[in-house]
Amino acid sequence: MPAIVPLAERLSHTTESGAAVTDDAVGGLRNATLGNLTELVIARAALRAGEHMLVKASITGAIVTNTLFVLGASFRLGGLNPPRAQ
């Protein structure tokens, strides 16, 4: 399991450097696609070990975390320039 940390670091570096040479849409899509790759590696290892509850909890946590992040970012961006009453 200690190999996950270098994998996550390398993945982060790769997606960031790839986003620097492409436009924002491609960089964001690549980051969203590869961002959870380490979780998939952990889930595969846990399934092989028979840890089904760990996989369920990990997937649930990832969904909740991503949802809250997007919701918070939406609130933040929406609050920067609120519509004015007429």
PDB file of N, CA and C in Angstrom:
ATOM      1  N   MET A   1       0.784  -1.205   0.000  1.00  0.00           N
ATOM      2  CA  MET A   1       0.000   0.000   0.000  1.00  0.00           C
ATOM      3  C   MET A   1       0.834   1.281   0.000  1.00  0.00           C
ATOM      4  N   PRO A   2       2.068   1.293   0.503  1.00  0.00           N
ATOM      5  CA  PRO A   2       2.842   2.534   0.479  1.00  0.00           C
ATOM      6  C   PRO A   2       3.128   3.038  -0.931  1.00  0.00           C
ATOM      7  N   ALA A   3       2.958   2.191  -1.937  1.00  0.00           N
ATOM      8  CA  ALA A   3       3.214   2.623  -3.309  1.00  0.00           C
ATOM      9  C   ALA A   3       2.106   3.535  -3.834  1.00  0.00           C
ATOM     10  N   ILE A   4       1.009   3.658  -3.114  1.00  0.00           N
ATOM     11  CA  ILE A   4      -0.096   4.500  -3.556  1.00  0.00           C
ATOM     12  C   ILE A   4       0.282   5.982  -3.504  1.00  0.00           C
ATOM     13  N   VAL A   5       1.025   6.378  -2.497  1.00  0.00           N
ATOM     14  CA  VAL A   5       1.390   7.791  -2.357  1.00  0.00           C
ATOM     15  C   VAL A   5       2.233   8.268  -3.542  1.00  0.00           C
ATOM     16  N   PRO A   6       3.285   7.556  -3.930  1.00  0.00           N
ATOM     17  CA  PRO A   6       4.023   8.009  -5.125  1.00  0.00           C
ATOM     18  C   PRO A   6       3.174   7.953  -6.393  1.00  0.00           C
ATOM     19  N   LEU A   7       2.271   6.969  -6.483  1.00  0.00           N
ATOM     20  CA  LEU A   7       1.394   6.893  -7.649  1.00  0.00           C
ATOM     21  C   LEU A   7       0.483   8.117  -7.709  1.00  0.00           C
ATOM     22  N   ALA A   8      -0.092   8.499  -6.587  1.00  0.00           N
ATOM     23  CA  ALA A   8      -0.967   9.673  -6.553  1.00  0.00           C
ATOM     24  C   ALA A   8      -0.193  10.945  -6.887  1.00  0.00           C
ATOM     25  N   GLU A   9       1.028  11.051  -6.388  1.00  0.00           N
ATOM     26  CA  GLU A   9       1.848  12.233  -6.671  1.00  0.00           C
ATOM     27  C   GLU A   9       2.200  12.294  -8.156  1.00  0.00           C
ATOM     28  N   ARG A  10       2.583  11.173  -8.729  1.00  0.00           N
ATOM     29  CA  ARG A  10       2.952  11.123 -10.136  1.00  0.00           C
ATOM     30  C   ARG A  10       1.752  11.408 -11.030  1.00  0.00           C
ATOM     31  N   LEU A  11       0.591  10.888 -10.648  1.00  0.00           N
ATOM     32  CA  LEU A  11      -0.629  11.133 -11.406  1.00  0.00           C
ATOM     33  C   LEU A  11      -1.004  12.613 -11.372  1.00  0.00           C
ATOM     34  N   SER A  12      -0.879  13.214 -10.204  1.00  0.00           N
ATOM     35  CA  SER A  12      -1.185  14.635 -10.060  1.00  0.00           C
ATOM     36  C   SER A  12      -0.246  15.472 -10.921  1.00  0.00           C
ATOM     37  N   HIS A  13       1.035  15.158 -10.872  1.00  0.00           N
ATOM     38  CA  HIS A  13       2.015  15.894 -11.675  1.00  0.00           C
ATOM     39  C   HIS A  13       1.735  15.732 -13.168  1.00  0.00           C
ATOM     40  N   THR A  14       1.394  14.525 -13.578  1.00  0.00           N
ATOM     41  CA  THR A  14       1.131  14.251 -14.994  1.00  0.00           C
ATOM     42  C   THR A  14      -0.089  15.003 -15.489  1.00  0.00           C
ATOM     43  N   THR A  15      -1.160  14.993 -14.715  1.00  0.00           N
ATOM     44  CA  THR A  15      -2.362  15.702 -15.158  1.00  0.00           C
ATOM     45  C   THR A  15      -2.149  17.207 -15.171  1.00  0.00           C
ATOM     46  N   GLU A  16      -1.403  17.728 -14.213  1.00  0.00           N
ATOM     47  CA  GLU A  16      -1.135  19.165 -14.189  1.00  0.00           C
ATOM     48  C   GLU A  16      -0.261  19.592 -15.365  1.00  0.00           C
ATOM     49  N   SER A  17       0.770  18.822 -15.660  1.00  0.00           N
ATOM     50  CA  SER A  17       1.636  19.190 -16.786  1.00  0.00           C
ATOM     51  C   SER A  17       0.915  19.005 -18.109  1.00  0.00           C
ATOM     52  N   GLY A  18       0.027  18.024 -18.175  1.00  0.00           N
ATOM     53  CA  GLY A  18      -0.769  17.849 -19.389  1.00  0.00           C
ATOM     54  C   GLY A  18      -1.764  18.974 -19.588  1.00  0.00           C
ATOM     55  N   ALA A  19      -2.327  19.470 -18.499  1.00  0.00           N
ATOM     56  CA  ALA A  19      -3.279  20.575 -18.586  1.00  0.00           C
ATOM     57  C   ALA A  19      -2.593  21.869 -18.992  1.00  0.00           C
ATOM     58  N   ALA A  20      -1.301  21.987 -18.701  1.00  0.00           N
ATOM     59  CA  ALA A  20      -0.569  23.211 -19.037  1.00  0.00           C
ATOM     60  C   ALA A  20      -0.378  23.367 -20.543  1.00  0.00           C
ATOM     61  N   VAL A  21      -0.333  22.268 -21.280  1.00  0.00           N
ATOM     62  CA  VAL A  21      -0.098  22.353 -22.719  1.00  0.00           C
ATOM     63  C   VAL A  21      -1.383  22.225 -23.539  1.00  0.00           C
ATOM     64  N   THR A  22      -2.511  21.977 -22.881  1.00  0.00           N
ATOM     65  CA  THR A  22      -3.787  21.908 -23.587  1.00  0.00           C
ATOM     66  C   THR A  22      -4.690  23.030 -23.098  1.00  0.00           C
ATOM     67  N   ASP A  23      -5.885  23.088 -23.665  1.00  0.00           N
ATOM     68  CA  ASP A  23      -6.816  24.109 -23.188  1.00  0.00           C
ATOM     69  C   ASP A  23      -7.498  23.644 -21.904  1.00  0.00           C
ATOM     70  N   ASP A  24      -8.285  24.513 -21.310  1.00  0.00           N
ATOM     71  CA  ASP A  24      -8.885  24.233 -20.004  1.00  0.00           C
ATOM     72  C   ASP A  24      -9.848  23.058 -20.042  1.00  0.00           C
ATOM     73  N   ALA A  25     -10.606  22.924 -21.125  1.00  0.00           N
ATOM     74  CA  ALA A  25     -11.598  21.843 -21.204  1.00  0.00           C
ATOM     75  C   ALA A  25     -10.919  20.479 -21.224  1.00  0.00           C
ATOM     76  N   VAL A  26      -9.884  20.331 -22.025  1.00  0.00           N
ATOM     77  CA  VAL A  26      -9.174  19.048 -22.109  1.00  0.00           C
ATOM     78  C   VAL A  26      -8.446  18.763 -20.805  1.00  0.00           C
ATOM     79  N   GLY A  27      -7.830  19.773 -20.218  1.00  0.00           N
ATOM     80  CA  GLY A  27      -7.132  19.596 -18.940  1.00  0.00           C
ATOM     81  C   GLY A  27      -8.089  19.204 -17.830  1.00  0.00           C
ATOM     82  N   GLY A  28      -9.255  19.827 -17.780  1.00  0.00           N
ATOM     83  CA  GLY A  28     -10.240  19.491 -16.771  1.00  0.00           C
ATOM     84  C   GLY A  28     -10.801  18.101 -16.961  1.00  0.00           C
ATOM     85  N   LEU A  29     -11.048  17.715 -18.206  1.00  0.00           N
ATOM     86  CA  LEU A  29     -11.549  16.370 -18.490  1.00  0.00           C
ATOM     87  C   LEU A  29     -10.519  15.323 -18.117  1.00  0.00           C
ATOM     88  N   ARG A  30      -9.274  15.576 -18.442  1.00  0.00           N
ATOM     89  CA  ARG A  30      -8.207  14.629 -18.093  1.00  0.00           C
ATOM     90  C   ARG A  30      -8.039  14.523 -16.577  1.00  0.00           C
ATOM     91  N   ASN A  31      -8.115  15.643 -15.897  1.00  0.00           N
ATOM     92  CA  ASN A  31      -7.984  15.639 -14.446  1.00  0.00           C
ATOM     93  C   ASN A  31      -9.152  14.912 -13.793  1.00  0.00           C
ATOM     94  N   ALA A  32     -10.359  15.125 -14.303  1.00  0.00           N
ATOM     95  CA  ALA A  32     -11.525  14.442 -13.756  1.00  0.00           C
ATOM     96  C   ALA A  32     -11.474  12.946 -14.030  1.00  0.00           C
ATOM     97  N   THR A  33     -10.942  12.570 -15.167  1.00  0.00           N
ATOM     98  CA  THR A  33     -10.868  11.160 -15.518  1.00  0.00           C
ATOM     99  C   THR A  33      -9.816  10.433 -14.693  1.00  0.00           C
ATOM    100  N   LEU A  34      -8.642  11.004 -14.574  1.00  0.00           N
ATOM    101  CA  LEU A  34      -7.544  10.319 -13.886  1.00  0.00           C
ATOM    102  C   LEU A  34      -7.463  10.637 -12.401  1.00  0.00           C
ATOM    103  N   GLY A  35      -8.287  11.567 -11.927  1.00  0.00           N
ATOM    104  CA  GLY A  35      -8.219  11.986 -10.540  1.00  0.00           C
ATOM    105  C   GLY A  35      -8.541  10.881  -9.548  1.00  0.00           C
ATOM    106  N   ASN A  36      -9.388   9.957  -9.925  1.00  0.00           N
ATOM    107  CA  ASN A  36      -9.805   8.890  -9.018  1.00  0.00           C
ATOM    108  C   ASN A  36      -9.143   7.557  -9.342  1.00  0.00           C
ATOM    109  N   LEU A  37      -8.076   7.587 -10.116  1.00  0.00           N
ATOM    110  CA  LEU A  37      -7.413   6.340 -10.483  1.00  0.00           C
ATOM    111  C   LEU A  37      -6.810   5.630  -9.275  1.00  0.00           C
ATOM    112  N   THR A  38      -6.272   6.387  -8.340  1.00  0.00           N
ATOM    113  CA  THR A  38      -5.702   5.746  -7.150  1.00  0.00           C
ATOM    114  C   THR A  38      -6.787   5.064  -6.322  1.00  0.00           C
ATOM    115  N   GLU A  39      -7.975   5.653  -6.285  1.00  0.00           N
ATOM    116  CA  GLU A  39      -9.080   5.009  -5.574  1.00  0.00           C
ATOM    117  C   GLU A  39      -9.472   3.699  -6.249  1.00  0.00           C
ATOM    118  N   LEU A  40      -9.396   3.667  -7.558  1.00  0.00           N
ATOM    119  CA  LEU A  40      -9.706   2.420  -8.265  1.00  0.00           C
ATOM    120  C   LEU A  40      -8.666   1.343  -7.979  1.00  0.00           C
ATOM    121  N   VAL A  41      -7.406   1.743  -7.863  1.00  0.00           N
ATOM    122  CA  VAL A  41      -6.355   0.783  -7.532  1.00  0.00           C
ATOM    123  C   VAL A  41      -6.578   0.215  -6.134  1.00  0.00           C
ATOM    124  N   ILE A  42      -6.915   1.097  -5.193  1.00  0.00           N
ATOM    125  CA  ILE A  42      -7.185   0.654  -3.823  1.00  0.00           C
ATOM    126  C   ILE A  42      -8.414  -0.256  -3.801  1.00  0.00           C
ATOM    127  N   ALA A  43      -9.454   0.112  -4.541  1.00  0.00           N
ATOM    128  CA  ALA A  43     -10.672  -0.705  -4.576  1.00  0.00           C
ATOM    129  C   ALA A  43     -10.397  -2.090  -5.150  1.00  0.00           C
ATOM    130  N   ARG A  44      -9.586  -2.161  -6.173  1.00  0.00           N
ATOM    131  CA  ARG A  44      -9.270  -3.466  -6.768  1.00  0.00           C
ATOM    132  C   ARG A  44      -8.506  -4.347  -5.772  1.00  0.00           C
ATOM    133  N   ALA A  45      -7.544  -3.760  -5.072  1.00  0.00           N
ATOM    134  CA  ALA A  45      -6.791  -4.526  -4.082  1.00  0.00           C
ATOM    135  C   ALA A  45      -7.696  -4.960  -2.933  1.00  0.00           C
ATOM    136  N   ALA A  46      -8.602  -4.085  -2.520  1.00  0.00           N
ATOM    137  CA  ALA A  46      -9.517  -4.430  -1.425  1.00  0.00           C
ATOM    138  C   ALA A  46     -10.505  -5.511  -1.848  1.00  0.00           C
ATOM    139  N   LEU A  47     -10.967  -5.472  -3.075  1.00  0.00           N
ATOM    140  CA  LEU A  47     -11.879  -6.517  -3.552  1.00  0.00           C
ATOM    141  C   LEU A  47     -11.183  -7.868  -3.607  1.00  0.00           C
ATOM    142  N   ARG A  48      -9.936  -7.866  -4.022  1.00  0.00           N
ATOM    143  CA  ARG A  48      -9.182  -9.131  -4.035  1.00  0.00           C
ATOM    144  C   ARG A  48      -8.998  -9.692  -2.633  1.00  0.00           C
ATOM    145  N   ALA A  49      -8.923  -8.798  -1.641  1.00  0.00           N
ATOM    146  CA  ALA A  49      -8.762  -9.238  -0.253  1.00  0.00           C
ATOM    147  C   ALA A  49     -10.098  -9.529   0.415  1.00  0.00           C
ATOM    148  N   GLY A  50     -11.201  -9.317  -0.314  1.00  0.00           N
ATOM    149  CA  GLY A  50     -12.516  -9.602   0.236  1.00  0.00           C
ATOM    150  C   GLY A  50     -13.088  -8.502   1.103  1.00  0.00           C
ATOM    151  N   GLU A  51     -12.548  -7.308   1.016  1.00  0.00           N
ATOM    152  CA  GLU A  51     -12.997  -6.170   1.829  1.00  0.00           C
ATOM    153  C   GLU A  51     -14.076  -5.380   1.081  1.00  0.00           C
ATOM    154  N   HIS A  52     -15.257  -5.962   0.979  1.00  0.00           N
ATOM    155  CA  HIS A  52     -16.332  -5.332   0.210  1.00  0.00           C
ATOM    156  C   HIS A  52     -16.849  -4.058   0.884  1.00  0.00           C
ATOM    157  N   MET A  53     -16.929  -4.053   2.202  1.00  0.00           N
ATOM    158  CA  MET A  53     -17.411  -2.864   2.914  1.00  0.00           C
ATOM    159  C   MET A  53     -16.436  -1.692   2.763  1.00  0.00           C
ATOM    160  N   LEU A  54     -15.147  -1.989   2.713  1.00  0.00           N
ATOM    161  CA  LEU A  54     -14.152  -0.943   2.499  1.00  0.00           C
ATOM    162  C   LEU A  54     -14.333  -0.293   1.136  1.00  0.00           C
ATOM    163  N   VAL A  55     -14.607  -1.099   0.123  1.00  0.00           N
ATOM    164  CA  VAL A  55     -14.809  -0.573  -1.226  1.00  0.00           C
ATOM    165  C   VAL A  55     -16.076   0.283  -1.268  1.00  0.00           C
ATOM    166  N   LYS A  56     -17.144  -0.195  -0.642  1.00  0.00           N
ATOM    167  CA  LYS A  56     -18.384   0.586  -0.600  1.00  0.00           C
ATOM    168  C   LYS A  56     -18.170   1.925   0.097  1.00  0.00           C
ATOM    169  N   ALA A  57     -17.471   1.901   1.217  1.00  0.00           N
ATOM    170  CA  ALA A  57     -17.218   3.133   1.960  1.00  0.00           C
ATOM    171  C   ALA A  57     -16.323   4.077   1.170  1.00  0.00           C
ATOM    172  N   SER A  58     -15.338   3.549   0.484  1.00  0.00           N
ATOM    173  CA  SER A  58     -14.426   4.378  -0.297  1.00  0.00           C
ATOM    174  C   SER A  58     -15.148   5.047  -1.462  1.00  0.00           C
ATOM    175  N   ILE A  59     -15.972   4.297  -2.163  1.00  0.00           N
ATOM    176  CA  ILE A  59     -16.718   4.861  -3.293  1.00  0.00           C
ATOM    177  C   ILE A  59     -17.726   5.890  -2.797  1.00  0.00           C
ATOM    178  N   THR A  60     -18.415   5.576  -1.702  1.00  0.00           N
ATOM    179  CA  THR A  60     -19.374   6.522  -1.137  1.00  0.00           C
ATOM    180  C   THR A  60     -18.678   7.807  -0.699  1.00  0.00           C
ATOM    181  N   GLY A  61     -17.540   7.685  -0.055  1.00  0.00           N
ATOM    182  CA  GLY A  61     -16.785   8.857   0.371  1.00  0.00           C
ATOM    183  C   GLY A  61     -16.326   9.700  -0.801  1.00  0.00           C
ATOM    184  N   ALA A  62     -15.902   9.068  -1.872  1.00  0.00           N
ATOM    185  CA  ALA A  62     -15.464   9.811  -3.054  1.00  0.00           C
ATOM    186  C   ALA A  62     -16.626  10.569  -3.682  1.00  0.00           C
ATOM    187  N   ILE A  63     -17.781   9.938  -3.744  1.00  0.00           N
ATOM    188  CA  ILE A  63     -18.954  10.598  -4.329  1.00  0.00           C
ATOM    189  C   ILE A  63     -19.380  11.788  -3.477  1.00  0.00           C
ATOM    190  N   VAL A  64     -19.449  11.582  -2.170  1.00  0.00           N
ATOM    191  CA  VAL A  64     -19.865  12.670  -1.277  1.00  0.00           C
ATOM    192  C   VAL A  64     -18.847  13.811  -1.314  1.00  0.00           C
ATOM    193  N   THR A  65     -17.579  13.495  -1.281  1.00  0.00           N
ATOM    194  CA  THR A  65     -16.538  14.525  -1.312  1.00  0.00           C
ATOM    195  C   THR A  65     -16.597  15.338  -2.594  1.00  0.00           C
ATOM    196  N   ASN A  66     -16.693  14.658  -3.730  1.00  0.00           N
ATOM    197  CA  ASN A  66     -16.753  15.362  -5.009  1.00  0.00           C
ATOM    198  C   ASN A  66     -18.013  16.207  -5.117  1.00  0.00           C
ATOM    199  N   THR A  67     -19.131  15.689  -4.635  1.00  0.00           N
ATOM    200  CA  THR A  67     -20.384  16.441  -4.684  1.00  0.00           C
ATOM    201  C   THR A  67     -20.303  17.695  -3.829  1.00  0.00           C
ATOM    202  N   LEU A  68     -19.783  17.561  -2.609  1.00  0.00           N
ATOM    203  CA  LEU A  68     -19.663  18.726  -1.742  1.00  0.00           C
ATOM    204  C   LEU A  68     -18.680  19.746  -2.300  1.00  0.00           C
ATOM    205  N   PHE A  69     -17.612  19.284  -2.923  1.00  0.00           N
ATOM    206  CA  PHE A  69     -16.647  20.204  -3.523  1.00  0.00           C
ATOM    207  C   PHE A  69     -17.290  21.005  -4.648  1.00  0.00           C
ATOM    208  N   VAL A  70     -18.006  20.328  -5.527  1.00  0.00           N
ATOM    209  CA  VAL A  70     -18.653  21.025  -6.645  1.00  0.00           C
ATOM    210  C   VAL A  70     -19.738  21.968  -6.133  1.00  0.00           C
ATOM    211  N   LEU A  71     -20.502  21.544  -5.129  1.00  0.00           N
ATOM    212  CA  LEU A  71     -21.535  22.405  -4.561  1.00  0.00           C
ATOM    213  C   LEU A  71     -20.910  23.651  -3.936  1.00  0.00           C
ATOM    214  N   GLY A  72     -19.840  23.474  -3.168  1.00  0.00           N
ATOM    215  CA  GLY A  72     -19.167  24.611  -2.553  1.00  0.00           C
ATOM    216  C   GLY A  72     -18.570  25.550  -3.584  1.00  0.00           C
ATOM    217  N   ALA A  73     -17.973  24.992  -4.624  1.00  0.00           N
ATOM    218  CA  ALA A  73     -17.401  25.829  -5.683  1.00  0.00           C
ATOM    219  C   ALA A  73     -18.505  26.600  -6.408  1.00  0.00           C
ATOM    220  N   SER A  74     -19.638  25.968  -6.608  1.00  0.00           N
ATOM    221  CA  SER A  74     -20.759  26.640  -7.266  1.00  0.00           C
ATOM    222  C   SER A  74     -21.280  27.789  -6.409  1.00  0.00           C
ATOM    223  N   PHE A  75     -21.409  27.541  -5.099  1.00  0.00           N
ATOM    224  CA  PHE A  75     -21.839  28.607  -4.197  1.00  0.00           C
ATOM    225  C   PHE A  75     -20.841  29.753  -4.203  1.00  0.00           C
ATOM    226  N   ARG A  76     -19.576  29.421  -4.187  1.00  0.00           N
ATOM    227  CA  ARG A  76     -18.529  30.451  -4.149  1.00  0.00           C
ATOM    228  C   ARG A  76     -18.543  31.286  -5.428  1.00  0.00           C
ATOM    229  N   LEU A  77     -18.577  30.626  -6.569  1.00  0.00           N
ATOM    230  CA  LEU A  77     -18.577  31.361  -7.842  1.00  0.00           C
ATOM    231  C   LEU A  77     -19.873  32.130  -8.039  1.00  0.00           C
ATOM    232  N   GLY A  78     -20.986  31.553  -7.607  1.00  0.00           N
ATOM    233  CA  GLY A  78     -22.258  32.261  -7.733  1.00  0.00           C
ATOM    234  C   GLY A  78     -22.333  33.465  -6.816  1.00  0.00           C
ATOM    235  N   GLY A  79     -21.653  33.425  -5.686  1.00  0.00           N
ATOM    236  CA  GLY A  79     -21.676  34.541  -4.751  1.00  0.00           C
ATOM    237  C   GLY A  79     -20.733  35.669  -5.126  1.00  0.00           C
ATOM    238  N   LEU A  80     -19.809  35.419  -6.041  1.00  0.00           N
ATOM    239  CA  LEU A  80     -18.866  36.473  -6.430  1.00  0.00           C
ATOM    240  C   LEU A  80     -19.544  37.587  -7.232  1.00  0.00           C
ATOM    241  N   ASN A  81     -20.512  37.228  -8.032  1.00  0.00           N
ATOM    242  CA  ASN A  81     -21.192  38.196  -8.881  1.00  0.00           C
ATOM    243  C   ASN A  81     -22.689  37.900  -8.868  1.00  0.00           C
ATOM    244  N   PRO A  82     -23.359  38.184  -7.736  1.00  0.00           N
ATOM    245  CA  PRO A  82     -24.781  37.833  -7.643  1.00  0.00           C
ATOM    246  C   PRO A  82     -25.623  38.699  -8.585  1.00  0.00           C
ATOM    247  N   PRO A  83     -26.754  38.171  -9.049  1.00  0.00           N
ATOM    248  CA  PRO A  83     -27.642  38.984  -9.901  1.00  0.00           C
ATOM    249  C   PRO A  83     -28.252  40.116  -9.081  1.00  0.00           C
ATOM    250  N   ARG A  84     -28.485  41.241  -9.723  1.00  0.00           N
ATOM    251  CA  ARG A  84     -29.034  42.409  -9.045  1.00  0.00           C
ATOM    252  C   ARG A  84     -30.542  42.470  -9.253  1.00  0.00           C
ATOM    253  N   ALA A  85     -31.243  42.844  -8.209  1.00  0.00           N
ATOM    254  CA  ALA A  85     -32.688  42.998  -8.304  1.00  0.00           C
ATOM    255  C   ALA A  85     -33.014  44.255  -9.132  1.00  0.00           C
ATOM    256  N   GLN A  86     -34.053  44.148  -9.922  1.00  0.00           N
ATOM    257  CA  GLN A  86     -34.398  45.298 -10.769  1.00  0.00           C
ATOM    258  C   GLN A  86     -35.666  45.948 -10.335  1.00  0.00           C
TER     259      GLN A  86
END
